[in-house]
């Protein structure tokens, strides 16, 4: 999924929680598109990138949802 980091740092192996349904997943990869996808060690505040978290059900990842650690 595409994300914009507002505050803090998001790294692989972080547990993320969706605020709308309280679902918790393990962040597997983070990165940016330049225009190809490039994996990064972290996403910092102000960056826009992608998160791969192994979410199998579409109902857990809602558009516009807030993700927190």
PDB file of N, CA and C in Angstrom:
ATOM      1  N   UNK A   1       0.834  -1.170   0.000  1.00  0.00           N
ATOM      2  CA  UNK A   1       0.000   0.000   0.000  1.00  0.00           C
ATOM      3  C   UNK A   1       0.881   1.237   0.000  1.00  0.00           C
ATOM      4  N   UNK A   2       0.369   2.325  -0.528  1.00  0.00           N
ATOM      5  CA  UNK A   2       1.092   3.596  -0.524  1.00  0.00           C
ATOM      6  C   UNK A   2       0.789   4.342   0.767  1.00  0.00           C
ATOM      7  N   UNK A   3       1.813   4.946   1.352  1.00  0.00           N
ATOM      8  CA  UNK A   3       1.650   5.671   2.614  1.00  0.00           C
ATOM      9  C   UNK A   3       2.424   6.987   2.575  1.00  0.00           C
ATOM     10  N   UNK A   4       1.977   7.916   3.410  1.00  0.00           N
ATOM     11  CA  UNK A   4       2.726   9.146   3.661  1.00  0.00           C
ATOM     12  C   UNK A   4       3.023   9.170   5.151  1.00  0.00           C
ATOM     13  N   UNK A   5       4.288   9.281   5.489  1.00  0.00           N
ATOM     14  CA  UNK A   5       4.698   9.278   6.896  1.00  0.00           C
ATOM     15  C   UNK A   5       4.602  10.708   7.408  1.00  0.00           C
ATOM     16  N   UNK A   6       3.770  10.921   8.409  1.00  0.00           N
ATOM     17  CA  UNK A   6       3.556  12.256   8.967  1.00  0.00           C
ATOM     18  C   UNK A   6       4.511  12.527  10.121  1.00  0.00           C
ATOM     19  N   UNK A   7       4.742  11.513  10.953  1.00  0.00           N
ATOM     20  CA  UNK A   7       5.582  11.707  12.134  1.00  0.00           C
ATOM     21  C   UNK A   7       6.319  10.404  12.427  1.00  0.00           C
ATOM     22  N   UNK A   8       7.596  10.491  12.733  1.00  0.00           N
ATOM     23  CA  UNK A   8       8.360   9.318  13.124  1.00  0.00           C
ATOM     24  C   UNK A   8       9.034   8.613  11.967  1.00  0.00           C
ATOM     25  N   UNK A   9       9.360   7.344  12.192  1.00  0.00           N
ATOM     26  CA  UNK A   9      10.087   6.520  11.224  1.00  0.00           C
ATOM     27  C   UNK A   9       9.389   5.172  11.129  1.00  0.00           C
ATOM     28  N   UNK A  10       9.269   4.651   9.922  1.00  0.00           N
ATOM     29  CA  UNK A  10       8.689   3.334   9.682  1.00  0.00           C
ATOM     30  C   UNK A  10       9.761   2.446   9.081  1.00  0.00           C
ATOM     31  N   UNK A  11      10.032   1.303   9.732  1.00  0.00           N
ATOM     32  CA  UNK A  11      11.086   0.382   9.300  1.00  0.00           C
ATOM     33  C   UNK A  11      10.513  -1.019   9.150  1.00  0.00           C
ATOM     34  N   UNK A  12      11.195  -1.870   8.376  1.00  0.00           N
ATOM     35  CA  UNK A  12      10.795  -3.274   8.361  1.00  0.00           C
ATOM     36  C   UNK A  12      10.919  -3.878   9.761  1.00  0.00           C
ATOM     37  N   UNK A  13      10.099  -4.850  10.056  1.00  0.00           N
ATOM     38  CA  UNK A  13      10.017  -5.528  11.358  1.00  0.00           C
ATOM     39  C   UNK A  13       9.241  -4.724  12.398  1.00  0.00           C
ATOM     40  N   UNK A  14       8.709  -3.542  12.039  1.00  0.00           N
ATOM     41  CA  UNK A  14       7.843  -2.786  12.943  1.00  0.00           C
ATOM     42  C   UNK A  14       6.438  -3.381  12.898  1.00  0.00           C
ATOM     43  N   UNK A  15       5.762  -3.391  14.041  1.00  0.00           N
ATOM     44  CA  UNK A  15       4.362  -3.790  14.067  1.00  0.00           C
ATOM     45  C   UNK A  15       3.528  -2.541  13.804  1.00  0.00           C
ATOM     46  N   UNK A  16       2.631  -2.627  12.819  1.00  0.00           N
ATOM     47  CA  UNK A  16       1.766  -1.496  12.500  1.00  0.00           C
ATOM     48  C   UNK A  16       0.328  -1.863  12.820  1.00  0.00           C
ATOM     49  N   UNK A  17      -0.456  -0.859  13.222  1.00  0.00           N
ATOM     50  CA  UNK A  17      -1.853  -1.078  13.580  1.00  0.00           C
ATOM     51  C   UNK A  17      -2.719  -0.104  12.795  1.00  0.00           C
ATOM     52  N   UNK A  18      -3.795  -0.621  12.216  1.00  0.00           N
ATOM     53  CA  UNK A  18      -4.759   0.206  11.506  1.00  0.00           C
ATOM     54  C   UNK A  18      -5.768   0.725  12.516  1.00  0.00           C
ATOM     55  N   UNK A  19      -6.013   2.026  12.510  1.00  0.00           N
ATOM     56  CA  UNK A  19      -6.860   2.626  13.524  1.00  0.00           C
ATOM     57  C   UNK A  19      -8.348   2.335  13.318  1.00  0.00           C
ATOM     58  N   UNK A  20      -8.794   2.096  12.087  1.00  0.00           N
ATOM     59  CA  UNK A  20     -10.225   1.878  11.851  1.00  0.00           C
ATOM     60  C   UNK A  20     -10.716   0.541  12.388  1.00  0.00           C
ATOM     61  N   UNK A  21      -9.887  -0.493  12.332  1.00  0.00           N
ATOM     62  CA  UNK A  21     -10.339  -1.824  12.750  1.00  0.00           C
ATOM     63  C   UNK A  21      -9.403  -2.492  13.757  1.00  0.00           C
ATOM     64  N   UNK A  22      -8.385  -1.796  14.224  1.00  0.00           N
ATOM     65  CA  UNK A  22      -7.440  -2.283  15.240  1.00  0.00           C
ATOM     66  C   UNK A  22      -6.645  -3.515  14.794  1.00  0.00           C
ATOM     67  N   UNK A  23      -6.570  -3.778  13.490  1.00  0.00           N
ATOM     68  CA  UNK A  23      -5.802  -4.917  12.980  1.00  0.00           C
ATOM     69  C   UNK A  23      -4.306  -4.615  13.081  1.00  0.00           C
ATOM     70  N   UNK A  24      -3.510  -5.610  13.466  1.00  0.00           N
ATOM     71  CA  UNK A  24      -2.070  -5.447  13.638  1.00  0.00           C
ATOM     72  C   UNK A  24      -1.356  -6.358  12.652  1.00  0.00           C
ATOM     73  N   UNK A  25      -0.355  -5.820  11.954  1.00  0.00           N
ATOM     74  CA  UNK A  25       0.434  -6.577  10.989  1.00  0.00           C
ATOM     75  C   UNK A  25       1.904  -6.255  11.175  1.00  0.00           C
ATOM     76  N   UNK A  26       2.762  -7.125  10.669  1.00  0.00           N
ATOM     77  CA  UNK A  26       4.204  -6.918  10.696  1.00  0.00           C
ATOM     78  C   UNK A  26       4.631  -6.305   9.375  1.00  0.00           C
ATOM     79  N   UNK A  27       5.300  -5.171   9.437  1.00  0.00           N
ATOM     80  CA  UNK A  27       5.801  -4.498   8.241  1.00  0.00           C
ATOM     81  C   UNK A  27       6.988  -5.299   7.712  1.00  0.00           C
ATOM     82  N   UNK A  28       6.896  -5.799   6.470  1.00  0.00           N
ATOM     83  CA  UNK A  28       7.947  -6.634   5.905  1.00  0.00           C
ATOM     84  C   UNK A  28       8.963  -5.838   5.095  1.00  0.00           C
ATOM     85  N   UNK A  29       8.491  -4.876   4.295  1.00  0.00           N
ATOM     86  CA  UNK A  29       9.376  -4.050   3.465  1.00  0.00           C
ATOM     87  C   UNK A  29       8.822  -2.646   3.385  1.00  0.00           C
ATOM     88  N   UNK A  30       9.713  -1.678   3.224  1.00  0.00           N
ATOM     89  CA  UNK A  30       9.323  -0.301   2.923  1.00  0.00           C
ATOM     90  C   UNK A  30      10.200   0.188   1.783  1.00  0.00           C
ATOM     91  N   UNK A  31       9.693   1.170   1.041  1.00  0.00           N
ATOM     92  CA  UNK A  31      10.467   1.692  -0.071  1.00  0.00           C
ATOM     93  C   UNK A  31       9.759   2.844  -0.752  1.00  0.00           C
ATOM     94  N   UNK A  32      10.331   3.293  -1.861  1.00  0.00           N
ATOM     95  CA  UNK A  32       9.785   4.407  -2.632  1.00  0.00           C
ATOM     96  C   UNK A  32       9.742   4.020  -4.108  1.00  0.00           C
ATOM     97  N   UNK A  33       8.968   4.779  -4.882  1.00  0.00           N
ATOM     98  CA  UNK A  33       8.919   4.611  -6.329  1.00  0.00           C
ATOM     99  C   UNK A  33       9.720   5.727  -6.984  1.00  0.00           C
ATOM    100  N   UNK A  34      10.685   5.360  -7.851  1.00  0.00           N
ATOM    101  CA  UNK A  34      11.544   6.373  -8.484  1.00  0.00           C
ATOM    102  C   UNK A  34      11.873   6.095  -9.943  1.00  0.00           C
ATOM    103  N   UNK A  35      11.092   5.910 -10.908  1.00  0.00           N
ATOM    104  CA  UNK A  35       9.710   5.435 -10.969  1.00  0.00           C
ATOM    105  C   UNK A  35       9.601   3.942 -10.694  1.00  0.00           C
ATOM    106  N   UNK A  36      10.702   3.200 -10.642  1.00  0.00           N
ATOM    107  CA  UNK A  36      10.632   1.791 -10.238  1.00  0.00           C
ATOM    108  C   UNK A  36      10.636   1.720  -8.716  1.00  0.00           C
ATOM    109  N   UNK A  37      10.169   0.604  -8.184  1.00  0.00           N
ATOM    110  CA  UNK A  37      10.177   0.455  -6.730  1.00  0.00           C
ATOM    111  C   UNK A  37      11.597   0.162  -6.240  1.00  0.00           C
ATOM    112  N   UNK A  38      12.006   0.914  -5.220  1.00  0.00           N
ATOM    113  CA  UNK A  38      13.330   0.773  -4.621  1.00  0.00           C
ATOM    114  C   UNK A  38      13.146   0.565  -3.122  1.00  0.00           C
ATOM    115  N   UNK A  39      13.636  -0.549  -2.605  1.00  0.00           N
ATOM    116  CA  UNK A  39      13.533  -0.810  -1.169  1.00  0.00           C
ATOM    117  C   UNK A  39      14.436   0.140  -0.398  1.00  0.00           C
ATOM    118  N   UNK A  40      13.989   0.537   0.777  1.00  0.00           N
ATOM    119  CA  UNK A  40      14.747   1.407   1.668  1.00  0.00           C
ATOM    120  C   UNK A  40      14.822   0.775   3.043  1.00  0.00           C
ATOM    121  N   UNK A  41      15.760   1.263   3.842  1.00  0.00           N
ATOM    122  CA  UNK A  41      15.888   0.789   5.220  1.00  0.00           C
ATOM    123  C   UNK A  41      14.809   1.367   6.119  1.00  0.00           C
ATOM    124  N   UNK A  42      14.312   2.564   5.755  1.00  0.00           N
ATOM    125  CA  UNK A  42      13.297   3.233   6.574  1.00  0.00           C
ATOM    126  C   UNK A  42      12.587   4.291   5.749  1.00  0.00           C
ATOM    127  N   UNK A  43      11.406   4.681   6.197  1.00  0.00           N
ATOM    128  CA  UNK A  43      10.687   5.835   5.675  1.00  0.00           C
ATOM    129  C   UNK A  43      10.567   6.826   6.820  1.00  0.00           C
ATOM    130  N   UNK A  44      10.989   8.059   6.595  1.00  0.00           N
ATOM    131  CA  UNK A  44      10.967   9.085   7.632  1.00  0.00           C
ATOM    132  C   UNK A  44       9.816  10.051   7.414  1.00  0.00           C
ATOM    133  N   UNK A  45       9.595  10.915   8.391  1.00  0.00           N
ATOM    134  CA  UNK A  45       8.527  11.914   8.314  1.00  0.00           C
ATOM    135  C   UNK A  45       8.689  12.762   7.063  1.00  0.00           C
ATOM    136  N   UNK A  46       7.588  12.945   6.336  1.00  0.00           N
ATOM    137  CA  UNK A  46       7.581  13.731   5.118  1.00  0.00           C
ATOM    138  C   UNK A  46       7.758  12.931   3.847  1.00  0.00           C
ATOM    139  N   UNK A  47       8.123  11.662   3.956  1.00  0.00           N
ATOM    140  CA  UNK A  47       8.333  10.830   2.775  1.00  0.00           C
ATOM    141  C   UNK A  47       7.049  10.097   2.390  1.00  0.00           C
ATOM    142  N   UNK A  48       6.922   9.838   1.088  1.00  0.00           N
ATOM    143  CA  UNK A  48       5.817   9.054   0.553  1.00  0.00           C
ATOM    144  C   UNK A  48       6.418   7.794  -0.051  1.00  0.00           C
ATOM    145  N   UNK A  49       5.872   6.649   0.296  1.00  0.00           N
ATOM    146  CA  UNK A  49       6.426   5.401  -0.208  1.00  0.00           C
ATOM    147  C   UNK A  49       5.431   4.273  -0.091  1.00  0.00           C
ATOM    148  N   UNK A  50       5.950   3.060  -0.134  1.00  0.00           N
ATOM    149  CA  UNK A  50       5.077   1.891  -0.035  1.00  0.00           C
ATOM    150  C   UNK A  50       5.454   1.042   1.162  1.00  0.00           C
ATOM    151  N   UNK A  51       4.480   0.274   1.624  1.00  0.00           N
ATOM    152  CA  UNK A  51       4.656  -0.660   2.737  1.00  0.00           C
ATOM    153  C   UNK A  51       4.127  -2.013   2.281  1.00  0.00           C
ATOM    154  N   UNK A  52       4.918  -3.054   2.491  1.00  0.00           N
ATOM    155  CA  UNK A  52       4.468  -4.420   2.250  1.00  0.00           C
ATOM    156  C   UNK A  52       4.326  -5.073   3.621  1.00  0.00           C
ATOM    157  N   UNK A  53       3.095  -5.490   3.932  1.00  0.00           N
ATOM    158  CA  UNK A  53       2.840  -6.021   5.269  1.00  0.00           C
ATOM    159  C   UNK A  53       2.135  -7.367   5.247  1.00  0.00           C
ATOM    160  N   UNK A  54       1.979  -7.990   4.107  1.00  0.00           N
ATOM    161  CA  UNK A  54       1.355  -9.307   4.054  1.00  0.00           C
ATOM    162  C   UNK A  54      -0.111  -9.309   4.431  1.00  0.00           C
ATOM    163  N   UNK A  55      -0.829  -8.267   4.082  1.00  0.00           N
ATOM    164  CA  UNK A  55      -2.262  -8.177   4.388  1.00  0.00           C
ATOM    165  C   UNK A  55      -3.007  -9.005   3.353  1.00  0.00           C
ATOM    166  N   UNK A  56      -3.700 -10.029   3.795  1.00  0.00           N
ATOM    167  CA  UNK A  56      -4.377 -10.949   2.879  1.00  0.00           C
ATOM    168  C   UNK A  56      -5.811 -10.527   2.566  1.00  0.00           C
ATOM    169  N   UNK A  57      -6.468  -9.865   3.491  1.00  0.00           N
ATOM    170  CA  UNK A  57      -7.863  -9.459   3.311  1.00  0.00           C
ATOM    171  C   UNK A  57      -7.938  -7.968   3.010  1.00  0.00           C
ATOM    172  N   UNK A  58      -8.656  -7.625   1.956  1.00  0.00           N
ATOM    173  CA  UNK A  58      -8.766  -6.240   1.522  1.00  0.00           C
ATOM    174  C   UNK A  58      -9.508  -5.362   2.530  1.00  0.00           C
ATOM    175  N   UNK A  59     -10.348  -5.947   3.354  1.00  0.00           N
ATOM    176  CA  UNK A  59     -11.126  -5.194   4.327  1.00  0.00           C
ATOM    177  C   UNK A  59     -10.258  -4.529   5.394  1.00  0.00           C
ATOM    178  N   UNK A  60      -9.041  -5.013   5.615  1.00  0.00           N
ATOM    179  CA  UNK A  60      -8.177  -4.444   6.645  1.00  0.00           C
ATOM    180  C   UNK A  60      -7.498  -3.151   6.200  1.00  0.00           C
ATOM    181  N   UNK A  61      -7.235  -2.999   4.913  1.00  0.00           N
ATOM    182  CA  UNK A  61      -6.525  -1.823   4.395  1.00  0.00           C
ATOM    183  C   UNK A  61      -7.517  -0.912   3.693  1.00  0.00           C
ATOM    184  N   UNK A  62      -8.090   0.029   4.441  1.00  0.00           N
ATOM    185  CA  UNK A  62      -9.066   0.957   3.881  1.00  0.00           C
ATOM    186  C   UNK A  62      -8.368   2.230   3.415  1.00  0.00           C
ATOM    187  N   UNK A  63      -8.881   2.822   2.349  1.00  0.00           N
ATOM    188  CA  UNK A  63      -8.326   4.054   1.813  1.00  0.00           C
ATOM    189  C   UNK A  63      -8.504   5.168   2.846  1.00  0.00           C
ATOM    190  N   UNK A  64      -7.423   5.900   3.102  1.00  0.00           N
ATOM    191  CA  UNK A  64      -7.472   7.025   4.023  1.00  0.00           C
ATOM    192  C   UNK A  64      -7.328   6.652   5.485  1.00  0.00           C
ATOM    193  N   UNK A  65      -7.091   5.398   5.784  1.00  0.00           N
ATOM    194  CA  UNK A  65      -6.956   4.953   7.167  1.00  0.00           C
ATOM    195  C   UNK A  65      -5.634   5.442   7.754  1.00  0.00           C
ATOM    196  N   UNK A  66      -5.593   5.588   9.061  1.00  0.00           N
ATOM    197  CA  UNK A  66      -4.380   5.975   9.766  1.00  0.00           C
ATOM    198  C   UNK A  66      -3.680   4.724  10.281  1.00  0.00           C
ATOM    199  N   UNK A  67      -2.376   4.673  10.061  1.00  0.00           N
ATOM    200  CA  UNK A  67      -1.567   3.551  10.533  1.00  0.00           C
ATOM    201  C   UNK A  67      -0.642   4.085  11.621  1.00  0.00           C
ATOM    202  N   UNK A  68      -0.529   3.355  12.713  1.00  0.00           N
ATOM    203  CA  UNK A  68       0.351   3.752  13.803  1.00  0.00           C
ATOM    204  C   UNK A  68       1.194   2.565  14.237  1.00  0.00           C
ATOM    205  N   UNK A  69       2.285   2.834  14.940  1.00  0.00           N
ATOM    206  CA  UNK A  69       3.129   1.752  15.462  1.00  0.00           C
ATOM    207  C   UNK A  69       2.525   1.207  16.738  1.00  0.00           C
TER     208      UNK A  69
END
